[in-house]
Amino acid sequence: MLLVPVDYTGCAYEVSAVAARLALGLSAELVLLYVVNAPPNSPALITEALHQDAHEKLEPLLTEMKERGISARVHVSSGEPATAILAIAKQERAEMIVMGTHGRTGLRRLWSGSVAEAVLRQSPCPVTVVRTADTGEHPGLTEAQGAALTETQG
C-alpha cells in the first residue's frame, strides 16, 4: 500500500501522478490521505464538517485513480500533519509514503516548517519525495475551513 498525503493545492495532482505510476508498476493499493489540522478545542461538528469537506475535495483524485485501474481509497485524519501521516503509515502498514515538498530553504523553511522532513526522519517505511512547484502562496482554505476558523476564533 502506498500512502499519499495530499492537500488541496495543484501540488496534490503532481504528487498523485507520481504515486499513480508507482502504484501501477507495483500493483499496489493507493491511499490518498488528507490531514485536517483544526484549531485546538474545535467543536466536533466543525471537525466533522472539515472531514466531510476533505472527502468531497479528494473525490476527483480518487475517481481519476480508479479510472486508471488503480485500487485507491481516501483516508481523512485529524491532527498535526507529520504526526498524523506517521501514525497512519504505521496503522495501515504502508509500504511506501509518496509526498510532495516545495523544497523551501532558509528562513522560509524555518517559518513554515517541513512536514516532509519530519516524515523522512521518522518514517517506518521508504519515503518518495516529489519536489513540486513553489508558488510562494499559502494553499488557501476551503469554504468549510474558513467557516471553521471564523467560528472558533469568533
N, C-alpha and C. Protein backbone atom coordinates (compact mmCIF):
# COMPACT_ATOMS: atom_id res chain seq x y z
N MET A 1 0.84 -1.18 0.00
CA MET A 1 0.00 0.00 0.00
C MET A 1 0.89 1.24 0.00
N LEU A 2 0.55 2.18 -0.88
CA LEU A 2 1.25 3.45 -0.95
C LEU A 2 0.40 4.51 -0.28
N LEU A 3 0.96 5.20 0.70
CA LEU A 3 0.27 6.28 1.40
C LEU A 3 0.67 7.59 0.75
N VAL A 4 -0.33 8.37 0.33
CA VAL A 4 -0.08 9.61 -0.41
C VAL A 4 -0.74 10.78 0.31
N PRO A 5 0.00 11.45 1.20
CA PRO A 5 -0.57 12.63 1.86
C PRO A 5 -0.71 13.76 0.84
N VAL A 6 -1.88 14.37 0.80
CA VAL A 6 -2.14 15.45 -0.16
C VAL A 6 -2.84 16.61 0.53
N ASP A 7 -2.81 17.75 -0.14
CA ASP A 7 -3.55 18.92 0.32
C ASP A 7 -4.49 19.32 -0.81
N TYR A 8 -5.03 20.51 -0.76
CA TYR A 8 -5.99 20.93 -1.77
C TYR A 8 -5.36 21.74 -2.89
N THR A 9 -4.05 21.79 -2.95
CA THR A 9 -3.39 22.58 -3.98
C THR A 9 -3.16 21.76 -5.24
N GLY A 10 -2.72 22.44 -6.29
CA GLY A 10 -2.37 21.76 -7.52
C GLY A 10 -1.23 20.77 -7.31
N CYS A 11 -0.45 20.98 -6.26
CA CYS A 11 0.64 20.06 -5.95
C CYS A 11 0.13 18.64 -5.71
N ALA A 12 -1.09 18.54 -5.22
CA ALA A 12 -1.67 17.21 -4.97
C ALA A 12 -1.75 16.41 -6.26
N TYR A 13 -1.99 17.10 -7.37
CA TYR A 13 -2.07 16.40 -8.65
C TYR A 13 -0.69 15.94 -9.11
N GLU A 14 0.34 16.76 -8.87
CA GLU A 14 1.71 16.35 -9.22
C GLU A 14 2.11 15.11 -8.43
N VAL A 15 1.88 15.14 -7.14
CA VAL A 15 2.26 14.03 -6.26
C VAL A 15 1.45 12.79 -6.59
N SER A 16 0.15 12.94 -6.79
CA SER A 16 -0.69 11.77 -7.06
C SER A 16 -0.36 11.15 -8.42
N ALA A 17 0.11 11.95 -9.37
CA ALA A 17 0.50 11.39 -10.67
C ALA A 17 1.72 10.48 -10.51
N VAL A 18 2.70 10.90 -9.71
CA VAL A 18 3.87 10.06 -9.45
C VAL A 18 3.43 8.81 -8.70
N ALA A 19 2.60 8.99 -7.69
CA ALA A 19 2.13 7.85 -6.90
C ALA A 19 1.34 6.86 -7.77
N ALA A 20 0.55 7.38 -8.70
CA ALA A 20 -0.22 6.50 -9.59
C ALA A 20 0.69 5.63 -10.44
N ARG A 21 1.76 6.23 -10.97
CA ARG A 21 2.71 5.43 -11.77
C ARG A 21 3.36 4.35 -10.92
N LEU A 22 3.72 4.71 -9.70
CA LEU A 22 4.31 3.71 -8.80
C LEU A 22 3.31 2.61 -8.46
N ALA A 23 2.08 3.00 -8.15
CA ALA A 23 1.05 2.03 -7.79
C ALA A 23 0.79 1.06 -8.94
N LEU A 24 0.73 1.58 -10.17
CA LEU A 24 0.53 0.71 -11.32
C LEU A 24 1.70 -0.26 -11.50
N GLY A 25 2.91 0.27 -11.38
CA GLY A 25 4.10 -0.56 -11.55
C GLY A 25 4.26 -1.62 -10.48
N LEU A 26 3.82 -1.30 -9.28
CA LEU A 26 3.96 -2.22 -8.15
C LEU A 26 2.69 -3.03 -7.87
N SER A 27 1.64 -2.77 -8.63
CA SER A 27 0.33 -3.38 -8.37
C SER A 27 -0.07 -3.18 -6.91
N ALA A 28 0.07 -1.94 -6.46
CA ALA A 28 -0.20 -1.62 -5.06
C ALA A 28 -1.46 -0.77 -4.92
N GLU A 29 -2.09 -0.88 -3.77
CA GLU A 29 -3.21 -0.01 -3.44
C GLU A 29 -2.66 1.37 -3.11
N LEU A 30 -3.44 2.39 -3.41
CA LEU A 30 -3.05 3.77 -3.15
C LEU A 30 -4.04 4.37 -2.16
N VAL A 31 -3.54 4.96 -1.09
CA VAL A 31 -4.40 5.62 -0.11
C VAL A 31 -4.08 7.11 -0.10
N LEU A 32 -5.05 7.91 -0.53
CA LEU A 32 -4.92 9.36 -0.51
C LEU A 32 -5.27 9.84 0.90
N LEU A 33 -4.32 10.47 1.56
CA LEU A 33 -4.51 10.91 2.94
C LEU A 33 -4.57 12.42 3.02
N TYR A 34 -5.60 12.93 3.68
CA TYR A 34 -5.67 14.35 3.99
C TYR A 34 -5.75 14.48 5.50
N VAL A 35 -4.95 15.37 6.05
CA VAL A 35 -4.95 15.59 7.50
C VAL A 35 -5.62 16.92 7.80
N VAL A 36 -6.71 16.86 8.54
CA VAL A 36 -7.42 18.05 8.99
C VAL A 36 -6.67 18.56 10.22
N ASN A 37 -6.16 19.78 10.11
CA ASN A 37 -5.41 20.38 11.20
C ASN A 37 -6.27 21.50 11.78
N ALA A 38 -7.34 21.09 12.46
CA ALA A 38 -8.30 22.05 13.02
C ALA A 38 -7.71 22.72 14.26
N PRO A 39 -8.16 23.92 14.56
CA PRO A 39 -7.68 24.60 15.77
C PRO A 39 -7.98 23.76 17.01
N PRO A 40 -7.11 23.85 18.02
CA PRO A 40 -7.34 23.10 19.26
C PRO A 40 -8.72 23.40 19.84
N ASN A 41 -9.31 22.39 20.43
CA ASN A 41 -10.62 22.50 21.08
C ASN A 41 -11.75 22.88 20.12
N SER A 42 -11.58 22.55 18.84
CA SER A 42 -12.66 22.80 17.89
C SER A 42 -13.85 21.91 18.22
N PRO A 43 -15.05 22.43 18.10
CA PRO A 43 -16.23 21.60 18.34
C PRO A 43 -16.26 20.42 17.36
N ALA A 44 -16.78 19.31 17.82
CA ALA A 44 -16.84 18.09 16.99
C ALA A 44 -17.56 18.35 15.68
N LEU A 45 -18.58 19.18 15.70
CA LEU A 45 -19.35 19.48 14.49
C LEU A 45 -18.46 20.12 13.42
N ILE A 46 -17.57 20.99 13.84
CA ILE A 46 -16.67 21.65 12.89
C ILE A 46 -15.67 20.65 12.32
N THR A 47 -15.09 19.84 13.20
CA THR A 47 -14.13 18.83 12.75
C THR A 47 -14.80 17.87 11.77
N GLU A 48 -16.02 17.49 12.09
CA GLU A 48 -16.78 16.59 11.21
C GLU A 48 -17.02 17.24 9.84
N ALA A 49 -17.35 18.52 9.84
CA ALA A 49 -17.58 19.23 8.58
C ALA A 49 -16.29 19.31 7.76
N LEU A 50 -15.16 19.51 8.42
CA LEU A 50 -13.87 19.57 7.73
C LEU A 50 -13.52 18.20 7.13
N HIS A 51 -13.85 17.13 7.86
CA HIS A 51 -13.61 15.78 7.33
C HIS A 51 -14.47 15.54 6.09
N GLN A 52 -15.73 15.92 6.15
CA GLN A 52 -16.62 15.75 5.00
C GLN A 52 -16.12 16.56 3.82
N ASP A 53 -15.69 17.78 4.08
CA ASP A 53 -15.17 18.64 3.04
C ASP A 53 -13.94 18.01 2.38
N ALA A 54 -13.07 17.41 3.18
CA ALA A 54 -11.87 16.76 2.64
C ALA A 54 -12.25 15.61 1.73
N HIS A 55 -13.21 14.80 2.15
CA HIS A 55 -13.65 13.68 1.30
C HIS A 55 -14.16 14.20 -0.04
N GLU A 56 -14.96 15.26 -0.01
CA GLU A 56 -15.50 15.83 -1.25
C GLU A 56 -14.41 16.38 -2.15
N LYS A 57 -13.44 17.07 -1.56
CA LYS A 57 -12.35 17.66 -2.35
C LYS A 57 -11.45 16.60 -2.98
N LEU A 58 -11.32 15.45 -2.32
CA LEU A 58 -10.45 14.39 -2.83
C LEU A 58 -11.16 13.44 -3.79
N GLU A 59 -12.45 13.56 -3.89
CA GLU A 59 -13.22 12.67 -4.77
C GLU A 59 -12.72 12.69 -6.22
N PRO A 60 -12.42 13.87 -6.81
CA PRO A 60 -11.93 13.86 -8.20
C PRO A 60 -10.62 13.08 -8.35
N LEU A 61 -9.71 13.22 -7.39
CA LEU A 61 -8.46 12.47 -7.44
C LEU A 61 -8.72 10.97 -7.33
N LEU A 62 -9.61 10.60 -6.44
CA LEU A 62 -9.95 9.19 -6.25
C LEU A 62 -10.57 8.62 -7.52
N THR A 63 -11.47 9.35 -8.12
CA THR A 63 -12.10 8.91 -9.36
C THR A 63 -11.06 8.72 -10.46
N GLU A 64 -10.14 9.68 -10.56
CA GLU A 64 -9.07 9.59 -11.57
C GLU A 64 -8.24 8.32 -11.37
N MET A 65 -7.91 8.01 -10.14
CA MET A 65 -7.11 6.81 -9.86
C MET A 65 -7.86 5.55 -10.27
N LYS A 66 -9.11 5.49 -9.90
CA LYS A 66 -9.91 4.31 -10.22
C LYS A 66 -10.09 4.16 -11.73
N GLU A 67 -10.24 5.28 -12.45
CA GLU A 67 -10.37 5.22 -13.91
C GLU A 67 -9.09 4.69 -14.56
N ARG A 68 -7.97 4.87 -13.89
CA ARG A 68 -6.70 4.37 -14.40
C ARG A 68 -6.45 2.91 -13.98
N GLY A 69 -7.42 2.32 -13.30
CA GLY A 69 -7.30 0.92 -12.89
C GLY A 69 -6.51 0.73 -11.61
N ILE A 70 -6.40 1.77 -10.82
CA ILE A 70 -5.65 1.70 -9.56
C ILE A 70 -6.62 1.50 -8.40
N SER A 71 -6.32 0.53 -7.57
CA SER A 71 -7.09 0.34 -6.35
C SER A 71 -6.76 1.50 -5.43
N ALA A 72 -7.75 2.32 -5.11
CA ALA A 72 -7.49 3.52 -4.33
C ALA A 72 -8.64 3.81 -3.38
N ARG A 73 -8.29 4.52 -2.31
CA ARG A 73 -9.31 4.97 -1.36
C ARG A 73 -8.81 6.24 -0.68
N VAL A 74 -9.71 6.93 0.00
CA VAL A 74 -9.39 8.16 0.72
C VAL A 74 -9.41 7.87 2.21
N HIS A 75 -8.45 8.44 2.91
CA HIS A 75 -8.42 8.37 4.38
C HIS A 75 -8.26 9.80 4.88
N VAL A 76 -9.14 10.23 5.75
CA VAL A 76 -9.05 11.57 6.33
C VAL A 76 -8.79 11.40 7.82
N SER A 77 -7.79 12.12 8.30
CA SER A 77 -7.39 12.04 9.69
C SER A 77 -7.33 13.45 10.27
N SER A 78 -7.14 13.54 11.57
CA SER A 78 -7.02 14.84 12.23
C SER A 78 -5.71 14.92 12.98
N GLY A 79 -5.22 16.14 13.16
CA GLY A 79 -4.03 16.35 13.97
C GLY A 79 -2.97 17.15 13.25
N GLU A 80 -1.80 17.16 13.85
CA GLU A 80 -0.64 17.82 13.25
C GLU A 80 -0.22 16.95 12.08
N PRO A 81 0.00 17.52 10.89
CA PRO A 81 0.21 16.71 9.69
C PRO A 81 1.30 15.64 9.77
N ALA A 82 2.51 15.99 10.16
CA ALA A 82 3.59 14.99 10.18
C ALA A 82 3.27 13.84 11.15
N THR A 83 2.77 14.18 12.31
CA THR A 83 2.42 13.17 13.32
C THR A 83 1.33 12.25 12.79
N ALA A 84 0.31 12.83 12.17
CA ALA A 84 -0.80 12.03 11.64
C ALA A 84 -0.34 11.14 10.49
N ILE A 85 0.50 11.67 9.61
CA ILE A 85 0.99 10.87 8.48
C ILE A 85 1.75 9.66 8.99
N LEU A 86 2.63 9.87 9.95
CA LEU A 86 3.41 8.77 10.51
C LEU A 86 2.53 7.74 11.21
N ALA A 87 1.53 8.21 11.93
CA ALA A 87 0.62 7.29 12.63
C ALA A 87 -0.18 6.44 11.64
N ILE A 88 -0.68 7.06 10.59
CA ILE A 88 -1.46 6.33 9.59
C ILE A 88 -0.55 5.36 8.83
N ALA A 89 0.68 5.76 8.56
CA ALA A 89 1.62 4.86 7.87
C ALA A 89 1.83 3.59 8.69
N LYS A 90 1.97 3.74 9.99
CA LYS A 90 2.14 2.57 10.87
C LYS A 90 0.86 1.76 10.95
N GLN A 91 -0.25 2.46 11.17
CA GLN A 91 -1.55 1.79 11.31
C GLN A 91 -1.91 0.99 10.06
N GLU A 92 -1.67 1.57 8.90
CA GLU A 92 -2.05 0.94 7.63
C GLU A 92 -0.95 0.02 7.07
N ARG A 93 0.17 -0.03 7.78
CA ARG A 93 1.33 -0.82 7.33
C ARG A 93 1.74 -0.43 5.90
N ALA A 94 1.93 0.87 5.71
CA ALA A 94 2.30 1.38 4.40
C ALA A 94 3.65 0.80 3.97
N GLU A 95 3.73 0.48 2.69
CA GLU A 95 4.99 0.00 2.13
C GLU A 95 5.85 1.17 1.67
N MET A 96 5.20 2.30 1.40
CA MET A 96 5.91 3.50 0.96
C MET A 96 5.00 4.70 1.16
N ILE A 97 5.61 5.84 1.46
CA ILE A 97 4.91 7.12 1.51
C ILE A 97 5.39 7.93 0.32
N VAL A 98 4.44 8.50 -0.43
CA VAL A 98 4.78 9.36 -1.56
C VAL A 98 4.17 10.72 -1.25
N MET A 99 5.05 11.71 -1.07
CA MET A 99 4.54 13.03 -0.67
C MET A 99 5.30 14.14 -1.37
N GLY A 100 4.72 15.31 -1.36
CA GLY A 100 5.32 16.46 -2.01
C GLY A 100 6.06 17.35 -1.04
N THR A 101 6.94 18.15 -1.61
CA THR A 101 7.62 19.20 -0.86
C THR A 101 7.88 20.35 -1.83
N HIS A 102 7.88 21.54 -1.28
CA HIS A 102 8.18 22.71 -2.10
C HIS A 102 9.67 22.97 -2.14
N GLY A 103 10.44 22.27 -1.30
CA GLY A 103 11.88 22.45 -1.30
C GLY A 103 12.32 23.79 -0.75
N ARG A 104 11.56 24.32 0.19
CA ARG A 104 11.92 25.61 0.77
C ARG A 104 13.21 25.48 1.58
N THR A 105 13.96 26.56 1.63
CA THR A 105 15.19 26.58 2.41
C THR A 105 15.24 27.86 3.22
N GLY A 106 16.20 27.94 4.10
CA GLY A 106 16.45 29.16 4.86
C GLY A 106 15.29 29.60 5.72
N LEU A 107 15.04 30.91 5.73
CA LEU A 107 14.00 31.47 6.60
C LEU A 107 12.62 30.96 6.26
N ARG A 108 12.34 30.75 4.97
CA ARG A 108 11.01 30.26 4.58
C ARG A 108 10.76 28.88 5.18
N ARG A 109 11.81 28.03 5.25
CA ARG A 109 11.64 26.70 5.82
C ARG A 109 11.45 26.79 7.33
N LEU A 110 12.22 27.69 7.96
CA LEU A 110 12.06 27.86 9.40
C LEU A 110 10.66 28.35 9.74
N TRP A 111 10.14 29.26 8.90
CA TRP A 111 8.81 29.82 9.13
C TRP A 111 7.72 28.77 8.94
N SER A 112 7.80 28.02 7.84
CA SER A 112 6.71 27.09 7.52
C SER A 112 6.95 25.69 8.06
N GLY A 113 8.17 25.37 8.46
CA GLY A 113 8.47 24.01 8.90
C GLY A 113 8.48 23.08 7.72
N SER A 114 8.83 21.85 7.95
CA SER A 114 8.86 20.90 6.86
C SER A 114 8.23 19.59 7.28
N VAL A 115 7.01 19.40 6.84
CA VAL A 115 6.32 18.14 7.12
C VAL A 115 7.09 17.00 6.47
N ALA A 116 7.54 17.22 5.23
CA ALA A 116 8.27 16.17 4.52
C ALA A 116 9.52 15.76 5.28
N GLU A 117 10.24 16.72 5.81
CA GLU A 117 11.47 16.40 6.55
C GLU A 117 11.16 15.59 7.80
N ALA A 118 10.12 15.97 8.53
CA ALA A 118 9.75 15.23 9.74
C ALA A 118 9.35 13.80 9.39
N VAL A 119 8.61 13.63 8.31
CA VAL A 119 8.20 12.29 7.89
C VAL A 119 9.42 11.48 7.45
N LEU A 120 10.30 12.09 6.68
CA LEU A 120 11.52 11.40 6.23
C LEU A 120 12.34 10.88 7.40
N ARG A 121 12.48 11.69 8.43
CA ARG A 121 13.31 11.32 9.57
C ARG A 121 12.72 10.19 10.42
N GLN A 122 11.39 10.08 10.44
CA GLN A 122 10.77 9.15 11.38
C GLN A 122 9.94 8.04 10.72
N SER A 123 9.90 7.99 9.43
CA SER A 123 9.02 7.06 8.73
C SER A 123 9.40 5.59 8.98
N PRO A 124 8.37 4.75 9.15
CA PRO A 124 8.62 3.32 9.31
C PRO A 124 8.84 2.60 7.97
N CYS A 125 8.75 3.35 6.86
CA CYS A 125 8.88 2.76 5.53
C CYS A 125 9.59 3.76 4.61
N PRO A 126 9.98 3.32 3.41
CA PRO A 126 10.61 4.27 2.48
C PRO A 126 9.68 5.43 2.14
N VAL A 127 10.29 6.58 1.86
CA VAL A 127 9.53 7.79 1.51
C VAL A 127 10.06 8.31 0.17
N THR A 128 9.15 8.51 -0.76
CA THR A 128 9.50 9.14 -2.03
C THR A 128 8.98 10.57 -1.95
N VAL A 129 9.89 11.53 -2.11
CA VAL A 129 9.51 12.94 -2.03
C VAL A 129 9.53 13.53 -3.43
N VAL A 130 8.42 14.14 -3.80
CA VAL A 130 8.26 14.76 -5.11
C VAL A 130 8.39 16.26 -4.92
N ARG A 131 9.38 16.84 -5.56
CA ARG A 131 9.53 18.29 -5.46
C ARG A 131 8.51 18.94 -6.37
N THR A 132 7.70 19.79 -5.80
CA THR A 132 6.62 20.43 -6.55
C THR A 132 6.90 21.92 -6.69
N ALA A 133 6.17 22.55 -7.58
CA ALA A 133 6.33 23.99 -7.80
C ALA A 133 5.99 24.74 -6.52
N ASP A 134 6.78 25.73 -6.20
CA ASP A 134 6.53 26.57 -5.03
C ASP A 134 6.07 27.93 -5.52
N THR A 135 4.79 28.18 -5.35
CA THR A 135 4.24 29.45 -5.82
C THR A 135 4.49 30.57 -4.82
N GLY A 136 4.96 30.21 -3.64
CA GLY A 136 5.18 31.22 -2.61
C GLY A 136 3.89 31.65 -1.94
N GLU A 137 2.81 30.99 -2.28
CA GLU A 137 1.50 31.35 -1.72
C GLU A 137 1.01 30.26 -0.78
N HIS A 138 0.25 30.67 0.20
CA HIS A 138 -0.41 29.70 1.07
C HIS A 138 -1.45 28.98 0.23
N PRO A 139 -1.62 27.66 0.43
CA PRO A 139 -2.58 26.95 -0.42
C PRO A 139 -4.01 27.42 -0.27
N GLY A 140 -4.28 28.20 0.74
CA GLY A 140 -5.63 28.71 0.91
C GLY A 140 -6.50 27.76 1.70
N LEU A 141 -7.66 28.23 2.03
CA LEU A 141 -8.60 27.45 2.81
C LEU A 141 -9.83 27.17 1.97
N THR A 142 -10.41 26.02 2.21
CA THR A 142 -11.69 25.73 1.58
C THR A 142 -12.75 26.53 2.33
N GLU A 143 -13.96 26.57 1.80
CA GLU A 143 -15.05 27.28 2.47
C GLU A 143 -15.28 26.75 3.87
N ALA A 144 -15.29 25.40 4.01
CA ALA A 144 -15.53 24.78 5.31
C ALA A 144 -14.43 25.13 6.30
N GLN A 145 -13.18 25.15 5.82
CA GLN A 145 -12.08 25.51 6.71
C GLN A 145 -12.19 26.96 7.16
N GLY A 146 -12.49 27.83 6.22
CA GLY A 146 -12.66 29.24 6.57
C GLY A 146 -13.77 29.45 7.58
N ALA A 147 -14.88 28.76 7.39
CA ALA A 147 -16.01 28.87 8.32
C ALA A 147 -15.62 28.34 9.69
N ALA A 148 -14.87 27.23 9.71
CA ALA A 148 -14.46 26.65 10.99
C ALA A 148 -13.54 27.61 11.75
N LEU A 149 -12.60 28.20 11.04
CA LEU A 149 -11.68 29.13 11.70
C LEU A 149 -12.41 30.36 12.19
N THR A 150 -13.34 30.87 11.40
CA THR A 150 -14.11 32.05 11.81
C THR A 150 -14.91 31.75 13.06
N GLU A 151 -15.54 30.59 13.10
CA GLU A 151 -16.38 30.22 14.24
C GLU A 151 -15.55 30.00 15.50
N THR A 152 -14.39 29.36 15.38
CA THR A 152 -13.59 29.08 16.57
C THR A 152 -12.85 30.31 17.06
N GLN A 153 -12.59 31.29 16.18
CA GLN A 153 -11.90 32.49 16.61
C GLN A 153 -12.86 33.59 17.06
N GLY A 154 -14.12 33.44 16.65
CA GLY A 154 -15.11 34.48 16.96
C GLY A 154 -15.74 34.22 18.25
